[in-house]
Amino acid sequence: MALALERVYPFDEFIREDTRCGRAATRPQSDPGDDSFGFPASSSGPPPPSGSAAPLHHCLGSNPHAGDARANTAEHFRDNSTLQEYWNYGKKKKNKKNKKKNKNKKKRKKNKNKKKRKKNKNKNKNKKNKKKNKNKKKRKKNKNKNKNKKNTRKKGNRKTRKGNRKTRKGNRKTRKGNRKTRKGMRVYEVRSMKSSSCRISSMKQTLTSCSWS
């Protein structure tokens, strides 16, 4: 029975951990003069080094040093229980361990997702605020632009311009001093570092005229 159990469950890791048991016996158990633990009855002095370990069965049920709960459990199941009971015990122990493991795994995942959600929330918030601030800045800029535009107009011209807007539109000068071309020929102004002002036709994409200051 013990051998069958050992094949299924490694008793050795429980029993052989206690070297005080393993190194105790120097002679076979059946030898006269040995006590139940494997020492010669007449011997006085320290036990031999761990190199001369006794077989595994010398330690079973007779180890006064077996304070290890695992060793006791292994002995108990080896002596008093069936293979099925021992297997159930191991399974129960394993399930308990896995339950804790899975619980911690779940917890870690939850915390990770929580962190991720927080990060994305802040990211979207920042994105939204960035856009908001950009538009705010744009509105302020346009407001000031229109304000300056309004302030720089000549008072005497204001009424006439408003009244004759349609008739004067094609001929009116722009703010930068270039005359507008006929309808359909939009003009783009280019300023270089040398303060040059050039007119480029978007239809032909060619330089039509330049004026250097």
N, C-alpha and C. Protein backbone atom coordinates (compact mmCIF):
# COMPACT_ATOMS: atom_id res chain seq x y z
N MET A 1 0.83 -1.22 0.00
CA MET A 1 0.00 0.00 0.00
C MET A 1 0.86 1.26 0.00
N ALA A 2 1.90 1.22 0.83
CA ALA A 2 2.78 2.38 0.94
C ALA A 2 3.46 2.68 -0.38
N LEU A 3 3.88 1.63 -1.07
CA LEU A 3 4.56 1.82 -2.36
C LEU A 3 3.61 2.43 -3.39
N ALA A 4 2.37 1.93 -3.39
CA ALA A 4 1.36 2.45 -4.33
C ALA A 4 1.10 3.92 -4.06
N LEU A 5 1.03 4.27 -2.79
CA LEU A 5 0.80 5.67 -2.41
C LEU A 5 1.95 6.56 -2.87
N GLU A 6 3.15 6.06 -2.70
CA GLU A 6 4.33 6.84 -3.08
C GLU A 6 4.35 7.16 -4.56
N ARG A 7 3.83 6.21 -5.36
CA ARG A 7 3.82 6.47 -6.80
C ARG A 7 2.87 7.61 -7.14
N VAL A 8 1.77 7.68 -6.41
CA VAL A 8 0.76 8.71 -6.68
C VAL A 8 1.16 10.04 -6.04
N TYR A 9 1.62 9.96 -4.80
CA TYR A 9 1.92 11.21 -4.07
C TYR A 9 3.32 11.12 -3.48
N PRO A 10 4.15 12.09 -3.70
CA PRO A 10 5.56 11.97 -3.25
C PRO A 10 5.72 12.17 -1.74
N PHE A 11 5.73 11.05 -1.00
CA PHE A 11 5.91 11.15 0.45
C PHE A 11 7.31 11.62 0.80
N ASP A 12 8.23 11.32 -0.08
CA ASP A 12 9.64 11.57 0.22
C ASP A 12 9.89 13.03 0.62
N GLU A 13 9.20 13.94 -0.09
CA GLU A 13 9.46 15.36 0.21
C GLU A 13 9.02 15.71 1.63
N PHE A 14 8.05 14.94 2.17
CA PHE A 14 7.61 15.19 3.54
C PHE A 14 8.57 14.56 4.56
N ILE A 15 8.87 13.26 4.34
CA ILE A 15 9.63 12.51 5.34
C ILE A 15 11.11 12.87 5.31
N ARG A 16 11.67 12.92 4.11
CA ARG A 16 13.13 13.07 4.01
C ARG A 16 13.62 14.47 4.30
N GLU A 17 12.68 15.42 4.44
CA GLU A 17 13.09 16.78 4.79
C GLU A 17 13.74 16.81 6.17
N ASP A 18 13.23 15.98 7.08
CA ASP A 18 13.77 15.96 8.43
C ASP A 18 15.02 15.08 8.45
N THR A 19 16.18 15.70 8.36
CA THR A 19 17.43 14.93 8.24
C THR A 19 17.77 14.23 9.55
N ARG A 20 17.21 14.74 10.66
CA ARG A 20 17.51 14.07 11.94
C ARG A 20 16.99 12.65 11.91
N CYS A 21 15.89 12.47 11.18
CA CYS A 21 15.35 11.12 11.06
C CYS A 21 16.19 10.32 10.06
N GLY A 22 16.50 10.94 8.92
CA GLY A 22 17.17 10.25 7.83
C GLY A 22 18.56 9.75 8.18
N ARG A 23 19.29 10.52 9.01
CA ARG A 23 20.69 10.13 9.28
C ARG A 23 20.84 9.29 10.54
N ALA A 24 19.71 8.97 11.22
CA ALA A 24 19.80 8.38 12.55
C ALA A 24 20.33 6.95 12.53
N ALA A 25 19.76 6.10 11.70
CA ALA A 25 20.07 4.67 11.79
C ALA A 25 21.31 4.31 10.99
N THR A 26 22.20 3.57 11.62
CA THR A 26 23.41 3.13 10.91
C THR A 26 23.33 1.63 10.60
N ARG A 27 22.47 0.93 11.34
CA ARG A 27 22.33 -0.51 11.12
C ARG A 27 20.87 -0.85 10.83
N PRO A 28 20.60 -2.01 10.27
CA PRO A 28 19.20 -2.38 9.99
C PRO A 28 18.36 -2.38 11.27
N GLN A 29 17.05 -2.19 11.10
CA GLN A 29 16.11 -2.12 12.23
C GLN A 29 16.08 -3.43 13.01
N SER A 30 16.27 -4.56 12.29
CA SER A 30 16.13 -5.88 12.92
C SER A 30 17.34 -6.24 13.80
N ASP A 31 18.41 -5.48 13.70
CA ASP A 31 19.64 -5.80 14.44
C ASP A 31 19.41 -5.66 15.94
N PRO A 32 19.80 -6.67 16.76
CA PRO A 32 19.60 -6.56 18.22
C PRO A 32 20.44 -5.42 18.79
N GLY A 33 19.90 -4.77 19.81
CA GLY A 33 20.61 -3.64 20.41
C GLY A 33 20.10 -2.31 19.89
N ASP A 34 19.34 -2.34 18.78
CA ASP A 34 18.77 -1.07 18.26
C ASP A 34 17.49 -0.73 19.00
N ASP A 35 17.29 0.55 19.24
CA ASP A 35 15.97 0.95 19.77
C ASP A 35 15.05 1.20 18.58
N SER A 36 13.84 1.66 18.88
CA SER A 36 12.84 1.81 17.81
C SER A 36 13.22 2.89 16.81
N PHE A 37 14.12 3.77 17.20
CA PHE A 37 14.48 4.89 16.32
C PHE A 37 15.66 4.56 15.42
N GLY A 38 16.38 3.51 15.71
CA GLY A 38 17.50 3.13 14.86
C GLY A 38 18.86 3.38 15.46
N PHE A 39 18.95 3.93 16.71
CA PHE A 39 20.24 4.09 17.36
C PHE A 39 20.63 2.79 18.09
N PRO A 40 21.92 2.45 18.18
CA PRO A 40 22.33 1.35 19.07
C PRO A 40 22.04 1.75 20.53
N ALA A 41 21.52 0.80 21.32
CA ALA A 41 21.11 1.11 22.70
C ALA A 41 22.28 1.60 23.54
N SER A 42 23.47 1.05 23.27
CA SER A 42 24.61 1.37 24.13
C SER A 42 25.34 2.64 23.68
N SER A 43 24.95 3.15 22.52
CA SER A 43 25.77 4.24 21.95
C SER A 43 25.59 5.53 22.74
N SER A 44 26.69 6.22 22.90
CA SER A 44 26.63 7.56 23.49
C SER A 44 27.45 8.45 22.58
N GLY A 45 26.99 9.65 22.35
CA GLY A 45 27.70 10.55 21.43
C GLY A 45 26.80 10.94 20.28
N PRO A 46 27.30 11.80 19.41
CA PRO A 46 26.43 12.33 18.34
C PRO A 46 26.09 11.29 17.28
N PRO A 47 24.95 11.45 16.62
CA PRO A 47 24.60 10.52 15.54
C PRO A 47 25.54 10.71 14.34
N PRO A 48 25.65 9.71 13.48
CA PRO A 48 26.56 9.81 12.33
C PRO A 48 26.10 10.90 11.34
N PRO A 49 26.99 11.33 10.45
CA PRO A 49 26.63 12.38 9.48
C PRO A 49 25.51 11.95 8.54
N SER A 50 24.94 12.93 7.85
CA SER A 50 23.74 12.69 7.04
C SER A 50 24.01 11.79 5.83
N GLY A 51 25.25 11.55 5.51
CA GLY A 51 25.59 10.68 4.38
C GLY A 51 25.12 9.25 4.58
N SER A 52 25.06 8.78 5.83
CA SER A 52 24.66 7.39 6.08
C SER A 52 23.19 7.35 6.48
N ALA A 53 22.33 7.72 5.57
CA ALA A 53 20.90 7.77 5.88
C ALA A 53 20.29 6.38 5.88
N ALA A 54 19.31 6.21 6.77
CA ALA A 54 18.61 4.92 6.85
C ALA A 54 17.54 4.87 5.78
N PRO A 55 17.05 3.66 5.46
CA PRO A 55 15.93 3.57 4.51
C PRO A 55 14.72 4.34 5.05
N LEU A 56 13.80 4.64 4.16
CA LEU A 56 12.66 5.48 4.48
C LEU A 56 11.80 4.91 5.61
N HIS A 57 11.62 3.53 5.61
CA HIS A 57 10.69 2.93 6.58
C HIS A 57 11.19 3.02 8.02
N HIS A 58 12.48 3.26 8.23
CA HIS A 58 13.02 3.36 9.58
C HIS A 58 12.42 4.52 10.35
N CYS A 59 11.94 5.55 9.61
CA CYS A 59 11.47 6.75 10.27
C CYS A 59 9.97 6.75 10.52
N LEU A 60 9.25 5.85 9.90
CA LEU A 60 7.79 5.92 9.95
C LEU A 60 7.26 5.54 11.33
N GLY A 61 6.37 6.38 11.85
CA GLY A 61 5.68 6.08 13.10
C GLY A 61 6.57 6.07 14.31
N SER A 62 7.85 6.41 14.19
CA SER A 62 8.73 6.33 15.36
C SER A 62 9.65 7.53 15.44
N ASN A 63 9.23 8.64 14.88
CA ASN A 63 10.11 9.82 14.85
C ASN A 63 9.67 10.82 15.92
N PRO A 64 10.41 10.93 17.01
CA PRO A 64 10.02 11.86 18.08
C PRO A 64 10.20 13.33 17.66
N HIS A 65 11.00 13.56 16.59
CA HIS A 65 11.26 14.93 16.15
C HIS A 65 10.24 15.42 15.13
N ALA A 66 9.28 14.59 14.76
CA ALA A 66 8.39 14.95 13.65
C ALA A 66 7.39 16.03 14.07
N GLY A 67 7.88 17.22 14.15
CA GLY A 67 7.01 18.35 14.50
C GLY A 67 6.37 18.94 13.26
N ASP A 68 6.83 18.53 12.10
CA ASP A 68 6.33 19.06 10.84
C ASP A 68 4.94 18.50 10.55
N ALA A 69 3.98 19.37 10.37
CA ALA A 69 2.59 18.94 10.15
C ALA A 69 2.48 18.13 8.87
N ARG A 70 3.26 18.47 7.87
CA ARG A 70 3.17 17.75 6.60
C ARG A 70 3.64 16.31 6.75
N ALA A 71 4.70 16.13 7.51
CA ALA A 71 5.23 14.78 7.72
C ALA A 71 4.21 13.94 8.47
N ASN A 72 3.58 14.54 9.49
CA ASN A 72 2.56 13.82 10.26
C ASN A 72 1.38 13.44 9.39
N THR A 73 0.99 14.36 8.54
CA THR A 73 -0.15 14.11 7.66
C THR A 73 0.16 12.95 6.72
N ALA A 74 1.36 12.96 6.15
CA ALA A 74 1.76 11.90 5.23
C ALA A 74 1.75 10.55 5.94
N GLU A 75 2.29 10.54 7.17
CA GLU A 75 2.34 9.29 7.94
C GLU A 75 0.93 8.80 8.24
N HIS A 76 0.07 9.74 8.62
CA HIS A 76 -1.30 9.38 8.99
C HIS A 76 -2.01 8.72 7.82
N PHE A 77 -1.89 9.31 6.64
CA PHE A 77 -2.58 8.77 5.48
C PHE A 77 -1.95 7.45 5.01
N ARG A 78 -0.65 7.35 5.20
CA ARG A 78 0.02 6.11 4.79
C ARG A 78 -0.45 4.94 5.66
N ASP A 79 -0.56 5.19 6.96
CA ASP A 79 -0.87 4.10 7.89
C ASP A 79 -2.36 3.80 7.98
N ASN A 80 -3.21 4.82 7.96
CA ASN A 80 -4.60 4.62 8.36
C ASN A 80 -5.64 4.80 7.26
N SER A 81 -5.25 5.22 6.07
CA SER A 81 -6.29 5.54 5.09
C SER A 81 -6.08 4.84 3.76
N THR A 82 -7.10 4.94 2.95
CA THR A 82 -7.03 4.34 1.62
C THR A 82 -6.41 5.33 0.64
N LEU A 83 -6.08 4.82 -0.51
CA LEU A 83 -5.49 5.65 -1.57
C LEU A 83 -6.46 6.76 -1.98
N GLN A 84 -7.76 6.42 -2.05
CA GLN A 84 -8.79 7.37 -2.48
C GLN A 84 -8.86 8.56 -1.52
N GLU A 85 -8.83 8.27 -0.22
CA GLU A 85 -8.89 9.33 0.79
C GLU A 85 -7.70 10.26 0.69
N TYR A 86 -6.53 9.64 0.49
CA TYR A 86 -5.32 10.45 0.40
C TYR A 86 -5.36 11.33 -0.84
N TRP A 87 -5.87 10.75 -1.94
CA TRP A 87 -5.98 11.51 -3.19
C TRP A 87 -6.95 12.68 -3.00
N ASN A 88 -8.07 12.41 -2.31
CA ASN A 88 -9.06 13.46 -2.03
C ASN A 88 -8.47 14.59 -1.20
N TYR A 89 -7.63 14.21 -0.24
CA TYR A 89 -6.98 15.22 0.63
C TYR A 89 -6.10 16.14 -0.21
N GLY A 90 -5.30 15.48 -1.10
CA GLY A 90 -4.40 16.27 -1.95
C GLY A 90 -5.18 17.17 -2.89
N LYS A 91 -6.28 16.66 -3.40
CA LYS A 91 -7.12 17.41 -4.34
C LYS A 91 -7.72 18.63 -3.63
N LYS A 92 -8.20 18.39 -2.41
CA LYS A 92 -8.82 19.46 -1.62
C LYS A 92 -7.82 20.58 -1.35
N LYS A 93 -6.62 20.17 -0.99
CA LYS A 93 -5.53 21.10 -0.69
C LYS A 93 -5.20 21.93 -1.95
N LYS A 94 -5.13 21.24 -3.09
CA LYS A 94 -4.80 21.87 -4.36
C LYS A 94 -5.90 22.88 -4.76
N ASN A 95 -7.17 22.44 -4.57
CA ASN A 95 -8.30 23.32 -4.92
C ASN A 95 -8.30 24.59 -4.09
N LYS A 96 -7.96 24.43 -2.82
CA LYS A 96 -7.90 25.57 -1.90
C LYS A 96 -6.84 26.58 -2.38
N LYS A 97 -5.69 26.03 -2.77
CA LYS A 97 -4.58 26.85 -3.26
C LYS A 97 -4.98 27.57 -4.56
N ASN A 98 -5.62 26.82 -5.48
CA ASN A 98 -6.03 27.39 -6.76
C ASN A 98 -7.11 28.45 -6.60
N LYS A 99 -8.00 28.22 -5.62
CA LYS A 99 -9.07 29.19 -5.34
C LYS A 99 -8.46 30.54 -4.97
N LYS A 100 -7.48 30.49 -4.09
CA LYS A 100 -6.79 31.71 -3.64
C LYS A 100 -6.06 32.36 -4.82
N LYS A 101 -5.41 31.53 -5.60
CA LYS A 101 -4.65 31.98 -6.77
C LYS A 101 -5.56 32.70 -7.76
N ASN A 102 -6.71 32.05 -8.06
CA ASN A 102 -7.66 32.63 -9.01
C ASN A 102 -8.27 33.91 -8.49
N LYS A 103 -8.50 33.95 -7.18
CA LYS A 103 -9.06 35.15 -6.54
C LYS A 103 -8.11 36.33 -6.73
N ASN A 104 -6.84 36.06 -6.47
CA ASN A 104 -5.82 37.11 -6.63
C ASN A 104 -5.66 37.53 -8.08
N LYS A 105 -5.78 36.55 -8.98
CA LYS A 105 -5.68 36.81 -10.41
C LYS A 105 -6.81 37.76 -10.85
N LYS A 106 -8.02 37.43 -10.36
CA LYS A 106 -9.20 38.22 -10.67
C LYS A 106 -9.04 39.65 -10.14
N LYS A 107 -8.51 39.74 -8.94
CA LYS A 107 -8.30 41.03 -8.27
C LYS A 107 -7.33 41.89 -9.08
N ARG A 108 -6.23 41.24 -9.51
CA ARG A 108 -5.22 41.95 -10.31
C ARG A 108 -5.82 42.48 -11.61
N LYS A 109 -6.62 41.62 -12.26
CA LYS A 109 -7.26 41.98 -13.53
C LYS A 109 -8.20 43.18 -13.33
N LYS A 110 -8.97 43.11 -12.23
CA LYS A 110 -9.93 44.17 -11.91
C LYS A 110 -9.20 45.49 -11.72
N ASN A 111 -8.13 45.45 -10.94
CA ASN A 111 -7.35 46.66 -10.67
C ASN A 111 -6.72 47.21 -11.95
N LYS A 112 -6.26 46.29 -12.80
CA LYS A 112 -5.64 46.68 -14.07
C LYS A 112 -6.65 47.41 -14.95
N ASN A 113 -7.87 46.82 -15.04
CA ASN A 113 -8.92 47.44 -15.86
C ASN A 113 -9.37 48.78 -15.29
N LYS A 114 -9.39 48.84 -13.95
CA LYS A 114 -9.77 50.09 -13.27
C LYS A 114 -8.78 51.20 -13.64
N LYS A 115 -7.49 50.83 -13.58
CA LYS A 115 -6.41 51.76 -13.91
C LYS A 115 -6.52 52.21 -15.37
N LYS A 116 -6.83 51.23 -16.24
CA LYS A 116 -6.94 51.48 -17.67
C LYS A 116 -8.09 52.47 -17.95
N ARG A 117 -9.25 52.20 -17.29
CA ARG A 117 -10.41 53.08 -17.46
C ARG A 117 -10.09 54.50 -17.03
N LYS A 118 -9.39 54.63 -15.90
CA LYS A 118 -9.03 55.93 -15.36
C LYS A 118 -8.11 56.67 -16.35
N LYS A 119 -7.15 55.92 -16.88
CA LYS A 119 -6.19 56.48 -17.83
C LYS A 119 -6.92 57.00 -19.09
N ASN A 120 -7.83 56.15 -19.61
CA ASN A 120 -8.57 56.53 -20.82
C ASN A 120 -9.48 57.72 -20.57
N LYS A 121 -10.06 57.74 -19.35
CA LYS A 121 -10.95 58.84 -18.97
C LYS A 121 -10.17 60.16 -18.99
N ASN A 122 -8.99 60.13 -18.38
CA ASN A 122 -8.14 61.32 -18.33
C ASN A 122 -7.68 61.71 -19.74
N LYS A 123 -7.37 60.69 -20.54
CA LYS A 123 -6.90 60.92 -21.90
C LYS A 123 -7.97 61.64 -22.72
N ASN A 124 -9.21 61.11 -22.63
CA ASN A 124 -10.33 61.71 -23.37
C ASN A 124 -10.66 63.10 -22.85
N LYS A 125 -10.54 63.25 -21.52
CA LYS A 125 -10.80 64.55 -20.89
C LYS A 125 -9.81 65.59 -21.41
N ASN A 126 -8.54 65.19 -21.44
CA ASN A 126 -7.48 66.09 -21.92
C ASN A 126 -7.69 66.46 -23.38
N LYS A 127 -8.11 65.45 -24.15
CA LYS A 127 -8.35 65.63 -25.58
C LYS A 127 -9.47 66.66 -25.79
N LYS A 128 -10.53 66.47 -25.02
CA LYS A 128 -11.71 67.34 -25.10
C LYS A 128 -11.34 68.77 -24.70
N ASN A 129 -10.59 68.87 -23.58
CA ASN A 129 -10.18 70.19 -23.08
C ASN A 129 -9.26 70.91 -24.07
N LYS A 130 -8.39 70.12 -24.70
CA LYS A 130 -7.45 70.68 -25.68
C LYS A 130 -8.23 71.32 -26.84
N LYS A 131 -9.22 70.56 -27.32
CA LYS A 131 -10.05 71.03 -28.43
C LYS A 131 -10.83 72.27 -28.01
N LYS A 132 -11.39 72.20 -26.79
CA LYS A 132 -12.18 73.29 -26.23
C LYS A 132 -11.35 74.57 -26.14
N ASN A 133 -10.14 74.42 -25.59
CA ASN A 133 -9.24 75.57 -25.42
C ASN A 133 -8.81 76.15 -26.77
N LYS A 134 -8.60 75.24 -27.72
CA LYS A 134 -8.19 75.66 -29.06
C LYS A 134 -9.29 76.53 -29.70
N ASN A 135 -10.53 76.03 -29.59
CA ASN A 135 -11.67 76.76 -30.15
C ASN A 135 -11.89 78.09 -29.43
N LYS A 136 -11.67 78.06 -28.11
CA LYS A 136 -11.81 79.28 -27.29
C LYS A 136 -10.81 80.34 -27.78
N LYS A 137 -9.58 79.88 -27.99
CA LYS A 137 -8.49 80.75 -28.45
C LYS A 137 -8.83 81.33 -29.83
N LYS A 138 -9.37 80.45 -30.68
CA LYS A 138 -9.72 80.82 -32.04
C LYS A 138 -10.80 81.90 -32.03
N ARG A 139 -11.83 81.67 -31.18
CA ARG A 139 -12.93 82.63 -31.07
C ARG A 139 -12.43 83.99 -30.60
N LYS A 140 -11.54 83.96 -29.62
CA LYS A 140 -10.97 85.20 -29.06
C LYS A 140 -10.18 85.94 -30.13
N LYS A 141 -9.40 85.16 -30.89
CA LYS A 141 -8.57 85.72 -31.96
C LYS A 141 -9.45 86.39 -33.02
N ASN A 142 -10.50 85.68 -33.44
CA ASN A 142 -11.41 86.20 -34.46
C ASN A 142 -12.14 87.44 -33.95
N LYS A 143 -12.49 87.41 -32.65
CA LYS A 143 -13.18 88.54 -32.04
C LYS A 143 -12.30 89.79 -32.11
N ASN A 144 -11.04 89.60 -31.72
CA ASN A 144 -10.08 90.71 -31.75
C ASN A 144 -9.82 91.18 -33.18
N LYS A 145 -9.78 90.21 -34.09
CA LYS A 145 -9.54 90.51 -35.50
C LYS A 145 -10.67 91.39 -36.04
N ASN A 146 -11.90 90.96 -35.75
CA ASN A 146 -13.06 91.72 -36.21
C ASN A 146 -13.13 93.09 -35.54
N LYS A 147 -12.73 93.11 -34.27
CA LYS A 147 -12.73 94.38 -33.52
C LYS A 147 -11.76 95.35 -34.17
N ASN A 148 -10.55 94.86 -34.49
CA ASN A 148 -9.52 95.71 -35.13
C ASN A 148 -9.98 96.17 -36.51
N LYS A 149 -10.62 95.25 -37.20
CA LYS A 149 -11.12 95.54 -38.55
C LYS A 149 -12.12 96.69 -38.49
N LYS A 150 -13.00 96.59 -37.50
CA LYS A 150 -14.06 97.59 -37.32
C LYS A 150 -13.46 98.95 -36.96
N ASN A 151 -12.44 98.90 -36.11
CA ASN A 151 -11.83 100.15 -35.63
C ASN A 151 -11.03 100.87 -36.71
N THR A 152 -10.49 100.11 -37.65
CA THR A 152 -9.62 100.75 -38.65
C THR A 152 -10.39 101.31 -39.84
N ARG A 153 -11.69 101.02 -39.92
CA ARG A 153 -12.46 101.59 -41.03
C ARG A 153 -12.64 103.10 -40.89
N LYS A 154 -12.71 103.76 -42.04
CA LYS A 154 -12.97 105.20 -42.00
C LYS A 154 -14.44 105.43 -41.77
N LYS A 155 -14.74 106.39 -40.92
CA LYS A 155 -16.13 106.63 -40.55
C LYS A 155 -16.97 107.09 -41.75
N GLY A 156 -16.42 107.89 -42.60
CA GLY A 156 -17.19 108.40 -43.73
C GLY A 156 -17.49 107.34 -44.76
N ASN A 157 -16.67 106.31 -44.80
CA ASN A 157 -16.79 105.27 -45.81
C ASN A 157 -17.81 104.20 -45.45
N ARG A 158 -18.10 104.07 -44.14
CA ARG A 158 -18.86 102.94 -43.65
C ARG A 158 -20.22 102.79 -44.32
N LYS A 159 -20.95 103.90 -44.41
CA LYS A 159 -22.30 103.86 -44.96
C LYS A 159 -22.28 103.48 -46.43
N THR A 160 -21.41 104.11 -47.17
CA THR A 160 -21.32 103.87 -48.60
C THR A 160 -21.00 102.40 -48.88
N ARG A 161 -20.01 101.87 -48.14
CA ARG A 161 -19.58 100.49 -48.36
C ARG A 161 -20.73 99.53 -48.11
N LYS A 162 -21.51 99.82 -47.05
CA LYS A 162 -22.62 98.95 -46.71
C LYS A 162 -23.70 99.02 -47.79
N GLY A 163 -23.96 100.23 -48.25
CA GLY A 163 -25.02 100.41 -49.23
C GLY A 163 -24.66 99.87 -50.60
N ASN A 164 -23.40 100.03 -51.00
CA ASN A 164 -23.01 99.65 -52.36
C ASN A 164 -22.19 98.37 -52.39
N ARG A 165 -22.44 97.47 -51.44
CA ARG A 165 -21.59 96.29 -51.32
C ARG A 165 -21.57 95.46 -52.61
N LYS A 166 -22.72 95.20 -53.21
CA LYS A 166 -22.79 94.31 -54.37
C LYS A 166 -22.08 94.90 -55.58
N THR A 167 -22.26 96.20 -55.80
CA THR A 167 -21.69 96.83 -56.99
C THR A 167 -20.18 96.99 -56.85
N ARG A 168 -19.68 97.20 -55.63
CA ARG A 168 -18.26 97.49 -55.45
C ARG A 168 -17.41 96.26 -55.15
N LYS A 169 -18.07 95.10 -54.96
CA LYS A 169 -17.37 93.91 -54.45
C LYS A 169 -16.18 93.49 -55.31
N GLY A 170 -16.36 93.40 -56.60
CA GLY A 170 -15.29 92.89 -57.46
C GLY A 170 -14.13 93.83 -57.62
N ASN A 171 -14.34 95.11 -57.34
CA ASN A 171 -13.33 96.11 -57.61
C ASN A 171 -12.61 96.58 -56.35
N ARG A 172 -13.13 96.19 -55.16
CA ARG A 172 -12.61 96.76 -53.92
C ARG A 172 -11.22 96.23 -53.58
N LYS A 173 -10.40 97.10 -52.99
CA LYS A 173 -9.06 96.67 -52.58
C LYS A 173 -9.13 95.79 -51.33
N THR A 174 -8.18 94.84 -51.20
CA THR A 174 -8.10 94.03 -49.97
C THR A 174 -7.31 94.82 -48.95
N ARG A 175 -7.26 94.25 -47.72
CA ARG A 175 -6.56 94.97 -46.64
C ARG A 175 -5.06 95.05 -46.90
N LYS A 176 -4.51 94.13 -47.69
CA LYS A 176 -3.06 94.13 -47.90
C LYS A 176 -2.66 94.91 -49.14
N GLY A 177 -3.63 95.56 -49.75
CA GLY A 177 -3.27 96.46 -50.84
C GLY A 177 -3.33 95.88 -52.23
N ASN A 178 -3.63 94.58 -52.41
CA ASN A 178 -3.72 94.01 -53.75
C ASN A 178 -5.16 94.06 -54.24
N ARG A 179 -5.33 94.42 -55.50
CA ARG A 179 -6.69 94.44 -56.04
C ARG A 179 -7.15 93.00 -56.28
N LYS A 180 -8.45 92.76 -56.04
CA LYS A 180 -8.99 91.41 -56.29
C LYS A 180 -9.14 91.21 -57.80
N THR A 181 -8.90 90.00 -58.23
CA THR A 181 -9.05 89.70 -59.66
C THR A 181 -10.50 89.43 -59.98
N ARG A 182 -10.81 89.14 -61.21
CA ARG A 182 -12.20 88.86 -61.57
C ARG A 182 -12.65 87.54 -60.94
N LYS A 183 -13.96 87.33 -60.88
CA LYS A 183 -14.56 86.18 -60.21
C LYS A 183 -13.99 84.86 -60.78
N GLY A 184 -13.66 83.92 -59.87
CA GLY A 184 -13.12 82.63 -60.30
C GLY A 184 -11.61 82.60 -60.27
N MET A 185 -10.94 83.73 -60.15
CA MET A 185 -9.48 83.77 -60.06
C MET A 185 -9.10 84.22 -58.65
N ARG A 186 -9.17 83.30 -57.70
CA ARG A 186 -8.83 83.67 -56.32
C ARG A 186 -7.34 83.92 -56.19
N VAL A 187 -6.99 84.89 -55.37
CA VAL A 187 -5.58 85.27 -55.23
C VAL A 187 -5.07 84.88 -53.85
N TYR A 188 -3.90 84.24 -53.84
CA TYR A 188 -3.24 83.92 -52.58
C TYR A 188 -2.03 84.82 -52.43
N GLU A 189 -1.92 85.43 -51.28
CA GLU A 189 -0.78 86.31 -51.05
C GLU A 189 0.35 85.55 -50.36
N VAL A 190 1.55 85.78 -50.85
CA VAL A 190 2.72 85.12 -50.28
C VAL A 190 3.67 86.19 -49.76
N ARG A 191 4.09 86.02 -48.52
CA ARG A 191 5.06 86.96 -47.94
C ARG A 191 6.37 86.21 -47.69
N SER A 192 7.47 86.78 -48.17
CA SER A 192 8.76 86.14 -47.91
C SER A 192 9.50 86.96 -46.86
N MET A 193 10.71 86.53 -46.52
CA MET A 193 11.51 87.23 -45.52
C MET A 193 11.98 88.58 -46.05
N LYS A 194 12.00 88.73 -47.37
CA LYS A 194 12.47 90.00 -47.95
C LYS A 194 11.30 90.97 -48.17
N SER A 195 10.17 90.71 -47.50
CA SER A 195 8.97 91.55 -47.61
C SER A 195 8.49 91.67 -49.05
N SER A 196 8.48 90.56 -49.76
CA SER A 196 7.98 90.60 -51.13
C SER A 196 6.50 90.25 -51.11
N SER A 197 5.76 90.80 -52.03
CA SER A 197 4.34 90.47 -52.12
C SER A 197 4.06 89.97 -53.53
N CYS A 198 3.65 88.70 -53.63
CA CYS A 198 3.41 88.10 -54.94
C CYS A 198 1.98 87.64 -55.05
N ARG A 199 1.43 87.70 -56.25
CA ARG A 199 0.09 87.18 -56.48
C ARG A 199 0.19 85.90 -57.32
N ILE A 200 -0.45 84.85 -56.82
CA ILE A 200 -0.41 83.57 -57.54
C ILE A 200 -1.83 83.16 -57.89
N SER A 201 -2.07 82.82 -59.11
CA SER A 201 -3.40 82.38 -59.52
C SER A 201 -3.55 80.91 -59.20
N SER A 202 -4.65 80.57 -58.52
CA SER A 202 -4.85 79.17 -58.12
C SER A 202 -5.26 78.31 -59.31
N MET A 203 -5.76 78.91 -60.37
CA MET A 203 -6.18 78.13 -61.53
C MET A 203 -4.97 77.66 -62.32
N LYS A 204 -4.07 78.59 -62.59
CA LYS A 204 -2.90 78.25 -63.41
C LYS A 204 -1.71 77.79 -62.57
N GLN A 205 -1.73 78.11 -61.26
CA GLN A 205 -0.62 77.81 -60.36
C GLN A 205 0.70 78.36 -60.90
N THR A 206 0.65 79.57 -61.40
CA THR A 206 1.88 80.19 -61.90
C THR A 206 2.02 81.57 -61.28
N LEU A 207 3.22 82.03 -61.20
CA LEU A 207 3.50 83.35 -60.65
C LEU A 207 3.15 84.40 -61.70
N THR A 208 2.18 85.26 -61.34
CA THR A 208 1.75 86.25 -62.35
C THR A 208 2.48 87.58 -62.19
N SER A 209 2.62 88.03 -60.93
CA SER A 209 3.36 89.30 -60.75
C SER A 209 3.94 89.39 -59.36
N CYS A 210 5.07 90.05 -59.22
CA CYS A 210 5.71 90.23 -57.92
C CYS A 210 6.04 91.70 -57.72
N SER A 211 5.90 92.15 -56.49
CA SER A 211 6.36 93.52 -56.20
C SER A 211 7.30 93.45 -55.01
N TRP A 212 8.48 93.96 -55.16
CA TRP A 212 9.50 93.93 -54.10
C TRP A 212 9.50 95.27 -53.39
N SER A 213 9.54 95.18 -52.05
CA SER A 213 9.55 96.44 -51.28
C SER A 213 10.99 96.80 -50.93
